[in-house]
């Protein structure tokens, strides 16, 4: 979507403008201009008609509309300017300093957080979600572009820094998938074409497809998670995404990560799954509530990742056969080995 200018406003049809720039509807209604959402006349000609009735100039109405749209965009806010997040170490459960003293993440980065149950993975995600300033049990600090972001803890609208995908999700809203996404897209002032794009992306992650008319309350757990991943990637402006154990969601996990990273999100995922841990170029090992060690993926581990991806594909194929009531045939061991070029 290109930057809105007075020239675009004046020369483009209302029907096109309202699709490309949903905030225009509110701006027009606020200055008392009635319109048909499907009207093919240009906004410029519409404003001229309205201005002649009010005995004012069309340019003055255009300036008012443009100013109001700018105000609405500022109200929604944006976090696109964020470049990096830094985690500064605190202490473990015994009060000892963490071994990893700081960790820097930039746009498009994926970090896996691993460790046994109780090692502190969820505590680390909670510190990031809270944008901690040393005021949590771990004593960690979270810096955004080198500065404390505690003033954004309770931000609303498009100015929220962090989106979180939890282990369990469910809907109680009596609405369809399309109605929910339309509300979200409209509230962000984004192109309504994103609704269908988000549904398509969600179906690429989900094992069982669903449509825009599907009631939210009838979605399965996997479908719900797929919808939220797609919405977080394509509609939500929050640049930081926290994921807690996506492996239990019944969705295409690799595709979910790829979708989020393709939108330049900073993704941190707590996981017990070796495949997901190795998908990340770096993984942080937690121990006794502390950031214990940080590992770069090695060439040997990349070879293991290739084998794990083959196994994951076979596992997905078997799951598909079982879901559709098909008979299974033995899979030769050689089929799961990585093929050399």
C-alpha atoms as a PDB file:
ATOM      1  CA  UNK A   1       0.000   0.000   0.000  1.00  0.00           C
ATOM      2  CA  UNK A   2       1.530   3.274  -1.143  1.00  0.00           C
ATOM      3  CA  UNK A   3       1.747   6.414   0.985  1.00  0.00           C
ATOM      4  CA  UNK A   4      -1.509   8.337   0.917  1.00  0.00           C
ATOM      5  CA  UNK A   5      -1.244  11.820  -0.631  1.00  0.00           C
ATOM      6  CA  UNK A   6      -3.792  14.563  -1.467  1.00  0.00           C
ATOM      7  CA  UNK A   7      -3.315  13.738  -5.168  1.00  0.00           C
ATOM      8  CA  UNK A   8      -4.209  10.065  -4.621  1.00  0.00           C
ATOM      9  CA  UNK A   9      -7.221  11.082  -2.549  1.00  0.00           C
ATOM     10  CA  UNK A  10      -8.526  13.420  -5.230  1.00  0.00           C
ATOM     11  CA  UNK A  11      -7.963  11.223  -8.290  1.00  0.00           C
ATOM     12  CA  UNK A  12      -8.968   7.750  -7.057  1.00  0.00           C
ATOM     13  CA  UNK A  13     -12.467   6.267  -6.872  1.00  0.00           C
ATOM     14  CA  UNK A  14     -14.124   5.965  -3.495  1.00  0.00           C
ATOM     15  CA  UNK A  15     -14.578   2.218  -3.930  1.00  0.00           C
ATOM     16  CA  UNK A  16     -10.822   1.751  -4.393  1.00  0.00           C
ATOM     17  CA  UNK A  17      -9.826   4.182  -1.659  1.00  0.00           C
ATOM     18  CA  UNK A  18     -12.016   2.547   0.964  1.00  0.00           C
ATOM     19  CA  UNK A  19     -10.394  -0.815   0.270  1.00  0.00           C
ATOM     20  CA  UNK A  20      -6.837   0.519   0.261  1.00  0.00           C
ATOM     21  CA  UNK A  21      -7.236   3.050   3.093  1.00  0.00           C
ATOM     22  CA  UNK A  22      -9.973   1.945   5.555  1.00  0.00           C
ATOM     23  CA  UNK A  23      -9.323   4.982   7.778  1.00  0.00           C
ATOM     24  CA  UNK A  24     -10.859   7.157   5.059  1.00  0.00           C
ATOM     25  CA  UNK A  25     -14.367   6.031   5.986  1.00  0.00           C
ATOM     26  CA  UNK A  26     -14.088   7.453   9.507  1.00  0.00           C
ATOM     27  CA  UNK A  27     -12.491  10.648   8.219  1.00  0.00           C
ATOM     28  CA  UNK A  28     -15.305  11.281   5.730  1.00  0.00           C
ATOM     29  CA  UNK A  29     -18.068  10.562   8.209  1.00  0.00           C
ATOM     30  CA  UNK A  30     -16.522  12.906  10.769  1.00  0.00           C
ATOM     31  CA  UNK A  31     -16.668  15.857   8.359  1.00  0.00           C
ATOM     32  CA  UNK A  32     -20.256  14.985   7.423  1.00  0.00           C
ATOM     33  CA  UNK A  33     -19.703  13.587   3.919  1.00  0.00           C
ATOM     34  CA  UNK A  34     -22.128  10.817   2.959  1.00  0.00           C
ATOM     35  CA  UNK A  35     -21.045   8.248   0.391  1.00  0.00           C
ATOM     36  CA  UNK A  36     -21.707   4.865  -1.156  1.00  0.00           C
ATOM     37  CA  UNK A  37     -18.882   2.392  -0.359  1.00  0.00           C
ATOM     38  CA  UNK A  38     -19.141   1.021  -3.912  1.00  0.00           C
ATOM     39  CA  UNK A  39     -19.165   4.423  -5.597  1.00  0.00           C
ATOM     40  CA  UNK A  40     -16.840   4.614  -8.607  1.00  0.00           C
ATOM     41  CA  UNK A  41     -16.746   8.408  -8.705  1.00  0.00           C
ATOM     42  CA  UNK A  42     -13.454   9.921  -7.623  1.00  0.00           C
ATOM     43  CA  UNK A  43     -13.212  11.429  -4.188  1.00  0.00           C
ATOM     44  CA  UNK A  44     -12.246  14.731  -5.812  1.00  0.00           C
ATOM     45  CA  UNK A  45     -15.528  14.971  -7.719  1.00  0.00           C
ATOM     46  CA  UNK A  46     -17.433  13.893  -4.626  1.00  0.00           C
ATOM     47  CA  UNK A  47     -15.796  16.619  -2.590  1.00  0.00           C
ATOM     48  CA  UNK A  48     -16.581  19.212  -5.245  1.00  0.00           C
ATOM     49  CA  UNK A  49     -20.273  18.311  -5.102  1.00  0.00           C
ATOM     50  CA  UNK A  50     -20.272  18.412  -1.330  1.00  0.00           C
ATOM     51  CA  UNK A  51     -18.313  21.656  -1.206  1.00  0.00           C
ATOM     52  CA  UNK A  52     -20.721  23.409  -3.561  1.00  0.00           C
ATOM     53  CA  UNK A  53     -23.609  22.480  -1.269  1.00  0.00           C
ATOM     54  CA  UNK A  54     -21.704  23.874   1.697  1.00  0.00           C
ATOM     55  CA  UNK A  55     -20.443  26.858  -0.294  1.00  0.00           C
ATOM     56  CA  UNK A  56     -16.868  25.986   0.555  1.00  0.00           C
ATOM     57  CA  UNK A  57     -13.865  24.949  -1.540  1.00  0.00           C
ATOM     58  CA  UNK A  58     -13.172  21.316  -2.352  1.00  0.00           C
ATOM     59  CA  UNK A  59      -9.506  21.871  -1.462  1.00  0.00           C
ATOM     60  CA  UNK A  60     -10.421  22.844   2.091  1.00  0.00           C
ATOM     61  CA  UNK A  61     -12.462  19.646   2.510  1.00  0.00           C
ATOM     62  CA  UNK A  62      -9.594  17.631   1.054  1.00  0.00           C
ATOM     63  CA  UNK A  63      -7.169  19.203   3.544  1.00  0.00           C
ATOM     64  CA  UNK A  64      -9.517  18.415   6.446  1.00  0.00           C
ATOM     65  CA  UNK A  65      -9.893  14.776   5.352  1.00  0.00           C
ATOM     66  CA  UNK A  66      -6.136  14.370   4.890  1.00  0.00           C
ATOM     67  CA  UNK A  67      -5.420  15.898   8.288  1.00  0.00           C
ATOM     68  CA  UNK A  68      -7.937  13.604   9.989  1.00  0.00           C
ATOM     69  CA  UNK A  69      -6.463  10.504   8.359  1.00  0.00           C
ATOM     70  CA  UNK A  70      -3.016  11.560   9.567  1.00  0.00           C
ATOM     71  CA  UNK A  71      -4.395  11.986  13.093  1.00  0.00           C
ATOM     72  CA  UNK A  72      -5.999   8.533  12.992  1.00  0.00           C
ATOM     73  CA  UNK A  73      -2.765   6.941  11.783  1.00  0.00           C
ATOM     74  CA  UNK A  74      -0.877   8.596  14.631  1.00  0.00           C
ATOM     75  CA  UNK A  75      -3.505   7.350  17.096  1.00  0.00           C
ATOM     76  CA  UNK A  76      -3.068   3.769  15.911  1.00  0.00           C
ATOM     77  CA  UNK A  77       0.684   4.124  16.256  1.00  0.00           C
ATOM     78  CA  UNK A  78       3.362   2.010  14.685  1.00  0.00           C
ATOM     79  CA  UNK A  79       6.345  -0.011  15.919  1.00  0.00           C
ATOM     80  CA  UNK A  80       7.985  -0.466  12.527  1.00  0.00           C
ATOM     81  CA  UNK A  81      10.954   1.645  13.607  1.00  0.00           C
ATOM     82  CA  UNK A  82      12.142  -0.922  16.172  1.00  0.00           C
ATOM     83  CA  UNK A  83      15.444  -2.506  15.141  1.00  0.00           C
ATOM     84  CA  UNK A  84      16.700  -4.637  18.025  1.00  0.00           C
ATOM     85  CA  UNK A  85      15.970  -6.040  21.465  1.00  0.00           C
ATOM     86  CA  UNK A  86      18.639  -6.633  24.095  1.00  0.00           C
ATOM     87  CA  UNK A  87      18.337  -8.929  27.105  1.00  0.00           C
ATOM     88  CA  UNK A  88      20.706  -7.970  29.953  1.00  0.00           C
ATOM     89  CA  UNK A  89      21.413 -10.754  32.435  1.00  0.00           C
ATOM     90  CA  UNK A  90      20.087 -10.957  35.958  1.00  0.00           C
ATOM     91  CA  UNK A  91      20.384 -13.855  38.386  1.00  0.00           C
ATOM     92  CA  UNK A  92      19.388 -17.514  38.720  1.00  0.00           C
ATOM     93  CA  UNK A  93      17.139 -19.072  41.366  1.00  0.00           C
ATOM     94  CA  UNK A  94      19.993 -19.029  43.884  1.00  0.00           C
ATOM     95  CA  UNK A  95      20.836 -15.401  43.267  1.00  0.00           C
ATOM     96  CA  UNK A  96      23.982 -16.130  41.245  1.00  0.00           C
ATOM     97  CA  UNK A  97      24.786 -14.116  38.103  1.00  0.00           C
ATOM     98  CA  UNK A  98      23.717 -15.622  34.797  1.00  0.00           C
ATOM     99  CA  UNK A  99      26.433 -17.077  32.560  1.00  0.00           C
ATOM    100  CA  UNK A 100      25.123 -15.326  29.421  1.00  0.00           C
ATOM    101  CA  UNK A 101      25.525 -11.676  30.339  1.00  0.00           C
ATOM    102  CA  UNK A 102      23.620 -10.176  27.396  1.00  0.00           C
ATOM    103  CA  UNK A 103      21.810 -11.229  24.240  1.00  0.00           C
ATOM    104  CA  UNK A 104      21.037  -9.078  21.196  1.00  0.00           C
ATOM    105  CA  UNK A 105      18.255  -9.858  18.696  1.00  0.00           C
ATOM    106  CA  UNK A 106      17.417  -8.006  15.472  1.00  0.00           C
ATOM    107  CA  UNK A 107      14.499  -7.977  13.013  1.00  0.00           C
ATOM    108  CA  UNK A 108      14.060 -11.351  11.309  1.00  0.00           C
ATOM    109  CA  UNK A 109      15.933 -13.248  14.046  1.00  0.00           C
ATOM    110  CA  UNK A 110      14.667 -16.559  15.435  1.00  0.00           C
ATOM    111  CA  UNK A 111      15.908 -17.709  18.853  1.00  0.00           C
ATOM    112  CA  UNK A 112      15.056 -21.094  20.360  1.00  0.00           C
ATOM    113  CA  UNK A 113      14.911 -21.294  24.156  1.00  0.00           C
ATOM    114  CA  UNK A 114      15.595 -24.801  25.463  1.00  0.00           C
ATOM    115  CA  UNK A 115      16.002 -26.513  28.809  1.00  0.00           C
ATOM    116  CA  UNK A 116      14.199 -28.991  31.069  1.00  0.00           C
ATOM    117  CA  UNK A 117      10.851 -28.206  32.649  1.00  0.00           C
ATOM    118  CA  UNK A 118      11.352 -25.659  35.418  1.00  0.00           C
ATOM    119  CA  UNK A 119      14.614 -24.342  33.973  1.00  0.00           C
ATOM    120  CA  UNK A 120      13.226 -20.836  33.499  1.00  0.00           C
ATOM    121  CA  UNK A 121      12.045 -20.685  29.880  1.00  0.00           C
ATOM    122  CA  UNK A 122       8.645 -19.232  30.737  1.00  0.00           C
ATOM    123  CA  UNK A 123      10.222 -16.786  33.200  1.00  0.00           C
ATOM    124  CA  UNK A 124      12.445 -15.426  30.427  1.00  0.00           C
ATOM    125  CA  UNK A 125       9.461 -14.987  28.085  1.00  0.00           C
ATOM    126  CA  UNK A 126       7.567 -13.268  30.898  1.00  0.00           C
ATOM    127  CA  UNK A 127      10.470 -10.867  31.477  1.00  0.00           C
ATOM    128  CA  UNK A 128      10.464  -9.916  27.804  1.00  0.00           C
ATOM    129  CA  UNK A 129       6.689  -9.542  27.733  1.00  0.00           C
ATOM    130  CA  UNK A 130       6.873  -7.247  30.783  1.00  0.00           C
ATOM    131  CA  UNK A 131       9.796  -5.289  29.260  1.00  0.00           C
ATOM    132  CA  UNK A 132      11.562  -5.808  32.561  1.00  0.00           C
ATOM    133  CA  UNK A 133      13.748  -3.131  34.116  1.00  0.00           C
ATOM    134  CA  UNK A 134      15.252  -5.269  36.884  1.00  0.00           C
ATOM    135  CA  UNK A 135      11.850  -5.375  38.595  1.00  0.00           C
ATOM    136  CA  UNK A 136      11.122  -9.104  38.150  1.00  0.00           C
ATOM    137  CA  UNK A 137      12.365 -12.120  40.178  1.00  0.00           C
ATOM    138  CA  UNK A 138      15.207 -12.663  37.692  1.00  0.00           C
ATOM    139  CA  UNK A 139      16.467  -9.066  37.848  1.00  0.00           C
ATOM    140  CA  UNK A 140      16.848  -8.955  34.046  1.00  0.00           C
ATOM    141  CA  UNK A 141      16.584  -5.812  31.939  1.00  0.00           C
ATOM    142  CA  UNK A 142      15.023  -5.637  28.472  1.00  0.00           C
ATOM    143  CA  UNK A 143      16.219  -2.818  26.225  1.00  0.00           C
ATOM    144  CA  UNK A 144      14.582  -1.794  22.958  1.00  0.00           C
ATOM    145  CA  UNK A 145      16.979  -0.069  20.574  1.00  0.00           C
ATOM    146  CA  UNK A 146      19.262   0.492  23.544  1.00  0.00           C
ATOM    147  CA  UNK A 147      16.622   2.115  25.738  1.00  0.00           C
ATOM    148  CA  UNK A 148      14.202   0.991  28.431  1.00  0.00           C
ATOM    149  CA  UNK A 149      10.705   0.496  27.024  1.00  0.00           C
ATOM    150  CA  UNK A 150       8.824   0.241  30.324  1.00  0.00           C
ATOM    151  CA  UNK A 151       6.590   3.122  29.227  1.00  0.00           C
ATOM    152  CA  UNK A 152       5.179   0.833  26.513  1.00  0.00           C
ATOM    153  CA  UNK A 153       4.068  -1.931  28.888  1.00  0.00           C
ATOM    154  CA  UNK A 154       0.439  -0.941  28.626  1.00  0.00           C
ATOM    155  CA  UNK A 155       0.441   0.379  25.063  1.00  0.00           C
ATOM    156  CA  UNK A 156      -2.635  -0.268  22.979  1.00  0.00           C
ATOM    157  CA  UNK A 157      -3.472  -0.352  19.289  1.00  0.00           C
ATOM    158  CA  UNK A 158      -0.609  -0.441  16.811  1.00  0.00           C
ATOM    159  CA  UNK A 159       1.975   0.667  19.364  1.00  0.00           C
ATOM    160  CA  UNK A 160       2.215  -2.684  21.156  1.00  0.00           C
ATOM    161  CA  UNK A 161       5.729  -4.077  20.943  1.00  0.00           C
ATOM    162  CA  UNK A 162       4.974  -7.685  21.834  1.00  0.00           C
ATOM    163  CA  UNK A 163       2.580 -10.377  20.644  1.00  0.00           C
ATOM    164  CA  UNK A 164       2.391 -13.715  22.438  1.00  0.00           C
ATOM    165  CA  UNK A 165       1.227 -17.131  21.248  1.00  0.00           C
ATOM    166  CA  UNK A 166       0.480 -19.278  24.281  1.00  0.00           C
ATOM    167  CA  UNK A 167       0.134 -23.060  24.552  1.00  0.00           C
ATOM    168  CA  UNK A 168      -3.672 -23.012  24.701  1.00  0.00           C
ATOM    169  CA  UNK A 169      -6.070 -20.773  22.801  1.00  0.00           C
ATOM    170  CA  UNK A 170      -9.822 -20.720  22.420  1.00  0.00           C
ATOM    171  CA  UNK A 171     -12.503 -18.318  21.234  1.00  0.00           C
ATOM    172  CA  UNK A 172     -15.713 -17.331  23.010  1.00  0.00           C
ATOM    173  CA  UNK A 173     -16.635 -14.556  20.545  1.00  0.00           C
ATOM    174  CA  UNK A 174     -19.829 -15.276  18.603  1.00  0.00           C
ATOM    175  CA  UNK A 175     -18.420 -14.326  15.208  1.00  0.00           C
ATOM    176  CA  UNK A 176     -16.967 -15.875  12.083  1.00  0.00           C
ATOM    177  CA  UNK A 177     -13.309 -16.004  11.113  1.00  0.00           C
ATOM    178  CA  UNK A 178     -13.853 -13.312   8.485  1.00  0.00           C
ATOM    179  CA  UNK A 179     -15.700 -11.031  10.897  1.00  0.00           C
ATOM    180  CA  UNK A 180     -12.892 -11.224  13.458  1.00  0.00           C
ATOM    181  CA  UNK A 181     -10.171 -10.571  10.901  1.00  0.00           C
ATOM    182  CA  UNK A 182     -12.162  -7.727   9.332  1.00  0.00           C
ATOM    183  CA  UNK A 183     -12.407  -6.019  12.711  1.00  0.00           C
ATOM    184  CA  UNK A 184      -8.686  -6.456  13.316  1.00  0.00           C
ATOM    185  CA  UNK A 185      -7.696  -5.236   9.842  1.00  0.00           C
ATOM    186  CA  UNK A 186     -10.041  -2.258  10.071  1.00  0.00           C
ATOM    187  CA  UNK A 187      -8.740  -1.314  13.518  1.00  0.00           C
ATOM    188  CA  UNK A 188      -5.214  -1.218  12.083  1.00  0.00           C
ATOM    189  CA  UNK A 189      -6.250   0.901   9.100  1.00  0.00           C
ATOM    190  CA  UNK A 190      -4.955  -1.776   6.726  1.00  0.00           C
ATOM    191  CA  UNK A 191      -6.026  -3.051   3.313  1.00  0.00           C
ATOM    192  CA  UNK A 192      -9.110  -5.287   3.587  1.00  0.00           C
ATOM    193  CA  UNK A 193      -7.485  -7.719   1.140  1.00  0.00           C
ATOM    194  CA  UNK A 194      -5.439  -8.877   4.145  1.00  0.00           C
ATOM    195  CA  UNK A 195      -8.485 -10.750   5.441  1.00  0.00           C
ATOM    196  CA  UNK A 196      -8.433 -13.321   2.638  1.00  0.00           C
ATOM    197  CA  UNK A 197      -4.641 -13.374   2.616  1.00  0.00           C
ATOM    198  CA  UNK A 198      -4.598 -14.215   6.326  1.00  0.00           C
ATOM    199  CA  UNK A 199      -7.164 -17.004   5.946  1.00  0.00           C
ATOM    200  CA  UNK A 200      -5.130 -18.483   3.080  1.00  0.00           C
ATOM    201  CA  UNK A 201      -1.938 -18.350   5.152  1.00  0.00           C
ATOM    202  CA  UNK A 202      -3.686 -19.957   8.129  1.00  0.00           C
ATOM    203  CA  UNK A 203      -4.912 -22.829   5.968  1.00  0.00           C
ATOM    204  CA  UNK A 204      -1.369 -23.476   4.793  1.00  0.00           C
ATOM    205  CA  UNK A 205      -0.461 -24.072   8.441  1.00  0.00           C
ATOM    206  CA  UNK A 206      -3.552 -25.997   9.534  1.00  0.00           C
ATOM    207  CA  UNK A 207      -4.155 -29.694   9.007  1.00  0.00           C
ATOM    208  CA  UNK A 208      -7.853 -29.176   8.256  1.00  0.00           C
ATOM    209  CA  UNK A 209      -8.865 -26.166   6.117  1.00  0.00           C
ATOM    210  CA  UNK A 210     -11.521 -23.661   7.191  1.00  0.00           C
ATOM    211  CA  UNK A 211     -13.204 -20.700   5.526  1.00  0.00           C
ATOM    212  CA  UNK A 212     -14.126 -17.138   6.341  1.00  0.00           C
ATOM    213  CA  UNK A 213     -17.674 -18.152   7.270  1.00  0.00           C
ATOM    214  CA  UNK A 214     -16.488 -20.724   9.826  1.00  0.00           C
ATOM    215  CA  UNK A 215     -17.611 -19.769  13.366  1.00  0.00           C
ATOM    216  CA  UNK A 216     -14.669 -19.076  15.655  1.00  0.00           C
ATOM    217  CA  UNK A 217     -16.102 -21.329  18.353  1.00  0.00           C
ATOM    218  CA  UNK A 218     -16.073 -24.317  15.994  1.00  0.00           C
ATOM    219  CA  UNK A 219     -12.354 -24.105  15.209  1.00  0.00           C
ATOM    220  CA  UNK A 220     -10.167 -26.887  16.542  1.00  0.00           C
ATOM    221  CA  UNK A 221      -7.115 -26.192  18.668  1.00  0.00           C
ATOM    222  CA  UNK A 222      -4.789 -26.521  15.685  1.00  0.00           C
ATOM    223  CA  UNK A 223      -6.988 -24.325  13.483  1.00  0.00           C
ATOM    224  CA  UNK A 224      -7.144 -21.682  16.206  1.00  0.00           C
ATOM    225  CA  UNK A 225      -3.363 -21.644  16.571  1.00  0.00           C
ATOM    226  CA  UNK A 226      -2.908 -21.494  12.778  1.00  0.00           C
ATOM    227  CA  UNK A 227      -5.271 -18.523  12.562  1.00  0.00           C
ATOM    228  CA  UNK A 228      -3.479 -16.683  15.351  1.00  0.00           C
ATOM    229  CA  UNK A 229      -0.038 -17.304  13.833  1.00  0.00           C
ATOM    230  CA  UNK A 230      -1.208 -15.958  10.461  1.00  0.00           C
ATOM    231  CA  UNK A 231      -2.915 -12.974  12.106  1.00  0.00           C
ATOM    232  CA  UNK A 232       0.181 -12.208  14.178  1.00  0.00           C
ATOM    233  CA  UNK A 233       2.404 -12.350  11.106  1.00  0.00           C
ATOM    234  CA  UNK A 234       0.291 -10.434   8.599  1.00  0.00           C
ATOM    235  CA  UNK A 235      -2.020  -8.110  10.549  1.00  0.00           C
ATOM    236  CA  UNK A 236      -0.442  -7.516  13.956  1.00  0.00           C
ATOM    237  CA  UNK A 237       2.205  -4.796  13.904  1.00  0.00           C
ATOM    238  CA  UNK A 238       4.013  -5.982  17.044  1.00  0.00           C
ATOM    239  CA  UNK A 239       7.627  -6.659  16.005  1.00  0.00           C
ATOM    240  CA  UNK A 240       8.395  -9.123  18.842  1.00  0.00           C
ATOM    241  CA  UNK A 241       6.639 -12.500  18.973  1.00  0.00           C
ATOM    242  CA  UNK A 242       6.904 -14.843  21.957  1.00  0.00           C
ATOM    243  CA  UNK A 243       5.920 -18.490  21.423  1.00  0.00           C
ATOM    244  CA  UNK A 244       5.525 -21.081  24.146  1.00  0.00           C
ATOM    245  CA  UNK A 245       5.780 -24.666  22.841  1.00  0.00           C
ATOM    246  CA  UNK A 246       4.273 -24.424  19.372  1.00  0.00           C
ATOM    247  CA  UNK A 247       5.009 -28.145  18.858  1.00  0.00           C
ATOM    248  CA  UNK A 248       1.771 -29.088  20.617  1.00  0.00           C
ATOM    249  CA  UNK A 249      -0.414 -27.065  18.255  1.00  0.00           C
ATOM    250  CA  UNK A 250      -1.037 -29.615  15.481  1.00  0.00           C
ATOM    251  CA  UNK A 251       0.109 -27.203  12.743  1.00  0.00           C
ATOM    252  CA  UNK A 252       2.981 -27.000  10.251  1.00  0.00           C
ATOM    253  CA  UNK A 253       5.571 -25.635  12.663  1.00  0.00           C
ATOM    254  CA  UNK A 254       8.283 -24.947  10.104  1.00  0.00           C
ATOM    255  CA  UNK A 255       5.865 -23.009   7.917  1.00  0.00           C
ATOM    256  CA  UNK A 256       4.697 -21.035  10.963  1.00  0.00           C
ATOM    257  CA  UNK A 257       8.244 -19.921  11.784  1.00  0.00           C
ATOM    258  CA  UNK A 258       8.959 -19.083   8.149  1.00  0.00           C
ATOM    259  CA  UNK A 259       5.811 -16.954   7.920  1.00  0.00           C
ATOM    260  CA  UNK A 260       6.677 -14.954  11.032  1.00  0.00           C
ATOM    261  CA  UNK A 261      10.291 -14.410  10.018  1.00  0.00           C
ATOM    262  CA  UNK A 262       9.269 -13.399   6.484  1.00  0.00           C
ATOM    263  CA  UNK A 263       7.499 -10.429   8.074  1.00  0.00           C
ATOM    264  CA  UNK A 264      10.697  -9.324   9.856  1.00  0.00           C
ATOM    265  CA  UNK A 265       9.471 -10.291  13.323  1.00  0.00           C
ATOM    266  CA  UNK A 266      11.849 -10.994  16.197  1.00  0.00           C
ATOM    267  CA  UNK A 267      10.732 -14.490  17.240  1.00  0.00           C
ATOM    268  CA  UNK A 268      11.616 -16.213  20.521  1.00  0.00           C
ATOM    269  CA  UNK A 269      10.298 -19.739  20.957  1.00  0.00           C
ATOM    270  CA  UNK A 270      10.502 -21.915  24.065  1.00  0.00           C
ATOM    271  CA  UNK A 271      10.574 -25.513  22.908  1.00  0.00           C
ATOM    272  CA  UNK A 272      11.377 -29.123  23.810  1.00  0.00           C
ATOM    273  CA  UNK A 273      11.356 -30.197  20.143  1.00  0.00           C
ATOM    274  CA  UNK A 274      14.831 -30.893  18.641  1.00  0.00           C
ATOM    275  CA  UNK A 275      13.603 -29.931  15.162  1.00  0.00           C
ATOM    276  CA  UNK A 276      12.358 -26.539  16.279  1.00  0.00           C
ATOM    277  CA  UNK A 277      15.460 -25.950  18.388  1.00  0.00           C
ATOM    278  CA  UNK A 278      17.726 -26.577  15.380  1.00  0.00           C
ATOM    279  CA  UNK A 279      15.581 -24.494  13.013  1.00  0.00           C
ATOM    280  CA  UNK A 280      16.821 -21.463  14.922  1.00  0.00           C
ATOM    281  CA  UNK A 281      20.353 -20.310  14.016  1.00  0.00           C
ATOM    282  CA  UNK A 282      20.905 -19.730  17.739  1.00  0.00           C
ATOM    283  CA  UNK A 283      19.518 -21.448  20.803  1.00  0.00           C
ATOM    284  CA  UNK A 284      19.646 -20.340  24.410  1.00  0.00           C
ATOM    285  CA  UNK A 285      19.940 -23.046  27.046  1.00  0.00           C
ATOM    286  CA  UNK A 286      18.251 -22.318  30.377  1.00  0.00           C
ATOM    287  CA  UNK A 287      19.340 -23.943  33.638  1.00  0.00           C
ATOM    288  CA  UNK A 288      18.223 -23.322  37.229  1.00  0.00           C
ATOM    289  CA  UNK A 289      16.329 -20.194  36.182  1.00  0.00           C
ATOM    290  CA  UNK A 290      19.311 -18.682  34.356  1.00  0.00           C
ATOM    291  CA  UNK A 291      20.562 -18.102  30.809  1.00  0.00           C
ATOM    292  CA  UNK A 292      23.257 -20.758  30.999  1.00  0.00           C
ATOM    293  CA  UNK A 293      24.719 -20.978  27.480  1.00  0.00           C
ATOM    294  CA  UNK A 294      24.172 -19.658  23.963  1.00  0.00           C
ATOM    295  CA  UNK A 295      24.868 -21.914  20.987  1.00  0.00           C
ATOM    296  CA  UNK A 296      25.303 -21.169  17.286  1.00  0.00           C
ATOM    297  CA  UNK A 297      24.065 -23.911  14.960  1.00  0.00           C
ATOM    298  CA  UNK A 298      27.073 -25.849  13.650  1.00  0.00           C
ATOM    299  CA  UNK A 299      27.493 -27.494  10.212  1.00  0.00           C
ATOM    300  CA  UNK A 300      27.146 -30.891  11.919  1.00  0.00           C
ATOM    301  CA  UNK A 301      23.866 -29.769  13.459  1.00  0.00           C
ATOM    302  CA  UNK A 302      22.667 -28.514  10.082  1.00  0.00           C
ATOM    303  CA  UNK A 303      23.126 -32.062   8.766  1.00  0.00           C
ATOM    304  CA  UNK A 304      21.112 -33.373  11.713  1.00  0.00           C
ATOM    305  CA  UNK A 305      18.444 -30.748  10.995  1.00  0.00           C
ATOM    306  CA  UNK A 306      18.144 -32.060   7.432  1.00  0.00           C
ATOM    307  CA  UNK A 307      17.519 -35.566   8.761  1.00  0.00           C
ATOM    308  CA  UNK A 308      14.991 -34.270  11.268  1.00  0.00           C
ATOM    309  CA  UNK A 309      13.138 -32.395   8.511  1.00  0.00           C
ATOM    310  CA  UNK A 310      12.886 -35.607   6.483  1.00  0.00           C
ATOM    311  CA  UNK A 311      11.546 -37.430   9.535  1.00  0.00           C
ATOM    312  CA  UNK A 312       9.096 -34.599  10.148  1.00  0.00           C
ATOM    313  CA  UNK A 313       7.837 -34.847   6.554  1.00  0.00           C
ATOM    314  CA  UNK A 314       7.327 -38.594   6.948  1.00  0.00           C
ATOM    315  CA  UNK A 315       5.585 -38.075  10.273  1.00  0.00           C
ATOM    316  CA  UNK A 316       3.288 -35.494   8.661  1.00  0.00           C
ATOM    317  CA  UNK A 317       2.487 -37.855   5.792  1.00  0.00           C
ATOM    318  CA  UNK A 318       1.601 -40.676   8.190  1.00  0.00           C
ATOM    319  CA  UNK A 319      -0.542 -38.295  10.254  1.00  0.00           C
ATOM    320  CA  UNK A 320      -2.369 -37.261   7.071  1.00  0.00           C
ATOM    321  CA  UNK A 321      -3.032 -40.894   6.165  1.00  0.00           C
ATOM    322  CA  UNK A 322      -4.356 -41.695   9.637  1.00  0.00           C
ATOM    323  CA  UNK A 323      -6.616 -38.631   9.647  1.00  0.00           C
ATOM    324  CA  UNK A 324      -8.137 -39.706   6.338  1.00  0.00           C
ATOM    325  CA  UNK A 325      -8.658 -43.326   7.342  1.00  0.00           C
ATOM    326  CA  UNK A 326      -6.011 -44.750   5.018  1.00  0.00           C
ATOM    327  CA  UNK A 327      -4.003 -47.946   5.532  1.00  0.00           C
ATOM    328  CA  UNK A 328      -0.334 -47.460   6.413  1.00  0.00           C
ATOM    329  CA  UNK A 329       2.570 -49.227   4.733  1.00  0.00           C
ATOM    330  CA  UNK A 330       6.034 -49.795   6.248  1.00  0.00           C
ATOM    331  CA  UNK A 331       8.552 -47.059   5.444  1.00  0.00           C
ATOM    332  CA  UNK A 332      12.086 -48.316   4.624  1.00  0.00           C
ATOM    333  CA  UNK A 333      14.743 -46.984   6.971  1.00  0.00           C
ATOM    334  CA  UNK A 334      16.737 -45.711   3.969  1.00  0.00           C
ATOM    335  CA  UNK A 335      13.880 -43.342   3.123  1.00  0.00           C
ATOM    336  CA  UNK A 336      14.551 -41.265   6.236  1.00  0.00           C
ATOM    337  CA  UNK A 337      18.280 -40.834   5.653  1.00  0.00           C
ATOM    338  CA  UNK A 338      19.569 -37.584   4.235  1.00  0.00           C
ATOM    339  CA  UNK A 339      20.431 -37.881   0.569  1.00  0.00           C
ATOM    340  CA  UNK A 340      23.807 -36.520  -0.467  1.00  0.00           C
ATOM    341  CA  UNK A 341      23.868 -34.388  -3.630  1.00  0.00           C
END
